[in-house]
Amino acid sequence: MAEELTEAAEEKLWQEYRLNKSLAIRNRLIEKYAPLVKYLAGRLAISMPPNVEEDDLVGYGVLGLIDAIDKFDPAREVKFRTYASTRIRGAMYDHLREIDWV
């Protein structure tokens, strides 16, 4: 489990990631925000039919999280959690659209 980062330490981590796109830093950010993906998947799964697996939503949510990390711009002064939530939910909805046969 990733240790809790202070706000200043997280900001420094984002600055480092912006400079060199380190895989180690990205993995650390993924670990930090993985519980957000699980939370959002659980919330979405409640309103879905039984054939939609929560684990599938989590998997696509993680892809959304990775995309959010790669595209996040701290200079815009938006909290990452807010930005990532939108991207994660969007990835989950995109998956649901893909599997919809209608």
C-alpha atoms as a PDB file:
ATOM      1  CA  MET A   1       0.000   0.000   0.000  1.00  0.00           C
ATOM      2  CA  ALA A   2       1.320   3.440  -0.894  1.00  0.00           C
ATOM      3  CA  GLU A   3       2.181   5.727   1.965  1.00  0.00           C
ATOM      4  CA  GLU A   4       0.106   8.864   2.332  1.00  0.00           C
ATOM      5  CA  LEU A   5       1.595  11.879   0.566  1.00  0.00           C
ATOM      6  CA  THR A   6       1.395  15.398   1.909  1.00  0.00           C
ATOM      7  CA  GLU A   7       0.010  18.009  -0.447  1.00  0.00           C
ATOM      8  CA  ALA A   8       3.468  19.527  -0.943  1.00  0.00           C
ATOM      9  CA  ALA A   9       5.041  16.115  -1.601  1.00  0.00           C
ATOM     10  CA  GLU A  10       2.340  15.274  -4.126  1.00  0.00           C
ATOM     11  CA  GLU A  11       2.839  18.610  -5.887  1.00  0.00           C
ATOM     12  CA  LYS A  12       6.572  17.897  -6.112  1.00  0.00           C
ATOM     13  CA  LEU A  13       5.798  14.439  -7.473  1.00  0.00           C
ATOM     14  CA  TRP A  14       3.615  15.982 -10.209  1.00  0.00           C
ATOM     15  CA  GLN A  15       6.387  18.438 -11.105  1.00  0.00           C
ATOM     16  CA  GLU A  16       8.890  15.594 -11.399  1.00  0.00           C
ATOM     17  CA  TYR A  17       6.466  13.568 -13.511  1.00  0.00           C
ATOM     18  CA  ARG A  18       5.870  16.508 -15.855  1.00  0.00           C
ATOM     19  CA  LEU A  19       9.631  16.838 -16.372  1.00  0.00           C
ATOM     20  CA  ASN A  20      10.660  13.247 -17.054  1.00  0.00           C
ATOM     21  CA  LYS A  21       7.492  11.075 -17.355  1.00  0.00           C
ATOM     22  CA  SER A  22       9.044   8.533 -14.987  1.00  0.00           C
ATOM     23  CA  LEU A  23       7.281   5.176 -14.937  1.00  0.00           C
ATOM     24  CA  ALA A  24       8.077   4.820 -11.220  1.00  0.00           C
ATOM     25  CA  ILE A  25       6.346   8.112 -10.430  1.00  0.00           C
ATOM     26  CA  ARG A  26       3.359   7.187 -12.582  1.00  0.00           C
ATOM     27  CA  ASN A  27       3.066   3.858 -10.756  1.00  0.00           C
ATOM     28  CA  ARG A  28       3.175   5.668  -7.426  1.00  0.00           C
ATOM     29  CA  LEU A  29       0.369   7.988  -8.541  1.00  0.00           C
ATOM     30  CA  ILE A  30      -1.657   5.000  -9.772  1.00  0.00           C
ATOM     31  CA  GLU A  31      -1.275   3.334  -6.368  1.00  0.00           C
ATOM     32  CA  LYS A  32      -2.323   6.518  -4.602  1.00  0.00           C
ATOM     33  CA  TYR A  33      -5.479   6.978  -6.680  1.00  0.00           C
ATOM     34  CA  ALA A  34      -6.469   3.307  -7.135  1.00  0.00           C
ATOM     35  CA  PRO A  35      -8.970   3.522  -4.244  1.00  0.00           C
ATOM     36  CA  LEU A  36     -10.732   6.328  -6.140  1.00  0.00           C
ATOM     37  CA  VAL A  37     -11.195   3.979  -9.104  1.00  0.00           C
ATOM     38  CA  LYS A  38     -12.609   1.253  -6.840  1.00  0.00           C
ATOM     39  CA  TYR A  39     -14.979   3.747  -5.198  1.00  0.00           C
ATOM     40  CA  LEU A  40     -16.276   5.106  -8.514  1.00  0.00           C
ATOM     41  CA  ALA A  41     -16.695   1.590  -9.940  1.00  0.00           C
ATOM     42  CA  GLY A  42     -18.669   0.532  -6.885  1.00  0.00           C
ATOM     43  CA  ARG A  43     -20.959   3.534  -7.170  1.00  0.00           C
ATOM     44  CA  LEU A  44     -21.569   2.906 -10.868  1.00  0.00           C
ATOM     45  CA  ALA A  45     -22.062  -0.856 -10.437  1.00  0.00           C
ATOM     46  CA  ILE A  46     -24.986  -0.272  -8.057  1.00  0.00           C
ATOM     47  CA  SER A  47     -27.100   1.123 -10.888  1.00  0.00           C
ATOM     48  CA  MET A  48     -26.036  -1.440 -13.495  1.00  0.00           C
ATOM     49  CA  PRO A  49     -27.701  -4.732 -14.450  1.00  0.00           C
ATOM     50  CA  PRO A  50     -26.205  -7.907 -12.950  1.00  0.00           C
ATOM     51  CA  ASN A  51     -24.327  -8.798 -16.143  1.00  0.00           C
ATOM     52  CA  VAL A  52     -22.009  -5.798 -15.626  1.00  0.00           C
ATOM     53  CA  GLU A  53     -19.103  -6.893 -13.435  1.00  0.00           C
ATOM     54  CA  GLU A  54     -17.653  -4.387 -10.989  1.00  0.00           C
ATOM     55  CA  ASP A  55     -14.175  -5.808 -11.660  1.00  0.00           C
ATOM     56  CA  ASP A  56     -14.551  -4.968 -15.357  1.00  0.00           C
ATOM     57  CA  LEU A  57     -15.472  -1.408 -14.411  1.00  0.00           C
ATOM     58  CA  VAL A  58     -12.415  -1.220 -12.156  1.00  0.00           C
ATOM     59  CA  GLY A  59     -10.179  -2.416 -14.997  1.00  0.00           C
ATOM     60  CA  TYR A  60     -11.465   0.197 -17.404  1.00  0.00           C
ATOM     61  CA  GLY A  61     -11.363   2.773 -14.628  1.00  0.00           C
ATOM     62  CA  VAL A  62      -7.661   2.091 -14.132  1.00  0.00           C
ATOM     63  CA  LEU A  63      -7.129   2.734 -17.837  1.00  0.00           C
ATOM     64  CA  GLY A  64      -8.977   6.026 -17.367  1.00  0.00           C
ATOM     65  CA  LEU A  65      -6.756   6.816 -14.370  1.00  0.00           C
ATOM     66  CA  ILE A  66      -3.594   6.178 -16.373  1.00  0.00           C
ATOM     67  CA  ASP A  67      -4.918   8.406 -19.153  1.00  0.00           C
ATOM     68  CA  ALA A  68      -5.762  11.108 -16.603  1.00  0.00           C
ATOM     69  CA  ILE A  69      -2.260  10.961 -15.119  1.00  0.00           C
ATOM     70  CA  ASP A  70      -0.695  11.281 -18.567  1.00  0.00           C
ATOM     71  CA  LYS A  71      -2.873  14.233 -19.577  1.00  0.00           C
ATOM     72  CA  PHE A  72      -3.142  16.118 -16.270  1.00  0.00           C
ATOM     73  CA  ASP A  73      -1.781  19.670 -16.263  1.00  0.00           C
ATOM     74  CA  PRO A  74      -1.160  20.973 -12.718  1.00  0.00           C
ATOM     75  CA  ALA A  75      -0.772  24.509 -14.103  1.00  0.00           C
ATOM     76  CA  ARG A  76      -4.545  24.665 -14.651  1.00  0.00           C
ATOM     77  CA  GLU A  77      -5.023  24.725 -10.868  1.00  0.00           C
ATOM     78  CA  VAL A  78      -7.630  21.968 -10.831  1.00  0.00           C
ATOM     79  CA  LYS A  79      -7.353  19.227  -8.232  1.00  0.00           C
ATOM     80  CA  PHE A  80      -6.243  15.962  -9.774  1.00  0.00           C
ATOM     81  CA  ARG A  81      -8.941  14.008  -7.928  1.00  0.00           C
ATOM     82  CA  THR A  82     -11.641  16.111  -9.604  1.00  0.00           C
ATOM     83  CA  TYR A  83     -10.068  15.811 -13.048  1.00  0.00           C
ATOM     84  CA  ALA A  84      -9.381  12.081 -12.665  1.00  0.00           C
ATOM     85  CA  SER A  85     -12.916  11.299 -11.464  1.00  0.00           C
ATOM     86  CA  THR A  86     -14.324  12.620 -14.723  1.00  0.00           C
ATOM     87  CA  ARG A  87     -11.797  10.715 -16.836  1.00  0.00           C
ATOM     88  CA  ILE A  88     -12.283   7.480 -14.867  1.00  0.00           C
ATOM     89  CA  ARG A  89     -16.080   7.604 -15.107  1.00  0.00           C
ATOM     90  CA  GLY A  90     -15.763   8.434 -18.808  1.00  0.00           C
ATOM     91  CA  ALA A  91     -13.595   5.353 -19.408  1.00  0.00           C
ATOM     92  CA  MET A  92     -16.140   3.194 -17.597  1.00  0.00           C
ATOM     93  CA  TYR A  93     -19.052   4.615 -19.602  1.00  0.00           C
ATOM     94  CA  ASP A  94     -17.117   4.148 -22.852  1.00  0.00           C
ATOM     95  CA  HIS A  95     -16.684   0.470 -21.964  1.00  0.00           C
ATOM     96  CA  LEU A  96     -20.382   0.131 -21.202  1.00  0.00           C
ATOM     97  CA  ARG A  97     -21.206   1.656 -24.591  1.00  0.00           C
ATOM     98  CA  GLU A  98     -18.857  -0.815 -26.283  1.00  0.00           C
ATOM     99  CA  ILE A  99     -20.585  -3.834 -24.766  1.00  0.00           C
ATOM    100  CA  ASP A 100     -24.111  -2.554 -25.371  1.00  0.00           C
ATOM    101  CA  TRP A 101     -25.569  -4.510 -28.254  1.00  0.00           C
ATOM    102  CA  VAL A 102     -28.448  -2.101 -28.882  1.00  0.00           C
END
